[in-house]
Amino acid sequence: MIKVSDLRNRDVVNIVDGKRLGTICDLDLDLESGRVTAIIVPGSVRIFSLFGGGRDYIIPWDNIVKIGVDTILVDLPGPVYQNR
């Protein structure tokens, strides 16, 4: 079993293009089933992101390929982000 605090310290890397997406900032939970449905990684920070809000990567739990000691590998074939 993995604690949420342990997940937050790991880099998230997309295996499709090798891009480092960042580290987990939040989780999407299904409270009825008690399961994690997605991880949320903040998008790149822009100078004026205060006004428009940043785009976060919403990565479904099913897209996680491997959770390693210091890295989480995900399979994201296309952009999976939204404004928060």
Protein backbone atom coordinates (compact mmCIF):
# COMPACT_ATOMS: atom_id res chain seq x y z
CA MET A 1 0.00 0.00 0.00
CA ILE A 2 1.23 3.52 -0.82
CA LYS A 3 0.51 6.60 1.24
CA VAL A 4 -0.68 9.76 -0.52
CA SER A 5 2.22 11.69 0.99
CA ASP A 6 4.62 9.26 -0.73
CA LEU A 7 3.00 9.84 -4.13
CA ARG A 8 3.39 13.62 -3.90
CA ASN A 9 7.18 13.42 -3.91
CA ARG A 10 7.53 11.42 -7.14
CA ASP A 11 8.08 12.80 -10.62
CA VAL A 12 5.39 11.99 -13.19
CA VAL A 13 6.81 11.09 -16.62
CA ASN A 14 4.87 10.41 -19.82
CA ILE A 15 6.26 7.28 -21.53
CA VAL A 16 4.90 8.38 -24.92
CA ASP A 17 7.32 11.30 -25.31
CA GLY A 18 9.53 11.08 -22.19
CA LYS A 19 8.31 14.46 -20.95
CA ARG A 20 8.46 15.18 -17.23
CA LEU A 21 5.01 16.49 -16.31
CA GLY A 22 5.78 17.47 -12.70
CA THR A 23 4.76 16.12 -9.32
CA ILE A 24 1.29 15.25 -8.05
CA CYS A 25 -0.54 18.14 -6.41
CA ASP A 26 -3.93 16.50 -5.87
CA LEU A 27 -5.96 13.32 -6.27
CA ASP A 28 -9.44 12.79 -7.67
CA LEU A 29 -11.34 10.38 -5.43
CA ASP A 30 -14.53 8.39 -5.81
CA LEU A 31 -15.88 8.67 -2.28
CA GLU A 32 -18.53 6.00 -2.78
CA SER A 33 -16.03 3.28 -3.73
CA GLY A 34 -13.08 4.73 -1.80
CA ARG A 35 -10.80 4.62 -4.86
CA VAL A 36 -8.48 7.08 -6.55
CA THR A 37 -9.82 7.82 -10.04
CA ALA A 38 -7.12 10.26 -11.25
CA ILE A 39 -3.98 12.10 -10.27
CA ILE A 40 -3.63 15.81 -10.87
CA VAL A 41 -0.32 17.38 -11.87
CA PRO A 42 -0.03 21.16 -12.19
CA GLY A 43 0.84 22.37 -15.68
CA SER A 44 3.73 24.66 -16.42
CA VAL A 45 3.67 27.93 -14.50
CA ARG A 46 3.36 31.11 -16.51
CA ILE A 47 4.22 34.61 -15.38
CA PHE A 48 0.63 35.83 -15.40
CA SER A 49 -1.05 32.56 -14.40
CA LEU A 50 -2.59 34.43 -11.47
CA PHE A 51 -5.18 35.93 -13.76
CA GLY A 52 -6.04 33.07 -16.11
CA GLY A 53 -5.38 30.05 -13.95
CA GLY A 54 -3.04 27.28 -14.96
CA ARG A 55 -3.81 24.13 -16.85
CA ASP A 56 -3.49 20.98 -14.82
CA TYR A 57 -2.90 17.50 -16.17
CA ILE A 58 -5.79 15.23 -15.16
CA ILE A 59 -4.37 11.73 -15.49
CA PRO A 60 -6.83 8.84 -15.08
CA TRP A 61 -5.63 6.14 -12.70
CA ASP A 62 -5.92 3.58 -15.53
CA ASN A 63 -3.21 5.50 -17.46
CA ILE A 64 -0.61 4.87 -14.77
CA VAL A 65 1.82 2.28 -16.09
CA LYS A 66 4.23 1.93 -13.16
CA ILE A 67 4.78 3.50 -9.76
CA GLY A 68 8.47 3.37 -8.99
CA VAL A 69 10.58 4.45 -6.04
CA ASP A 70 10.95 8.04 -7.27
CA THR A 71 9.00 8.16 -10.56
CA ILE A 72 5.46 7.48 -11.76
CA LEU A 73 5.23 6.46 -15.42
CA VAL A 74 2.02 7.34 -17.25
CA ASP A 75 0.77 6.66 -20.77
CA LEU A 76 -0.76 9.85 -22.21
CA PRO A 77 -1.09 9.66 -25.99
CA GLY A 78 -2.72 13.11 -26.23
CA PRO A 79 -3.28 16.19 -24.09
CA VAL A 80 -5.30 15.36 -20.98
CA TYR A 81 -5.51 18.66 -19.17
CA GLN A 82 -8.12 21.14 -18.14
CA ASN A 83 -8.38 24.51 -16.45
CA ARG A 84 -8.93 24.41 -12.72
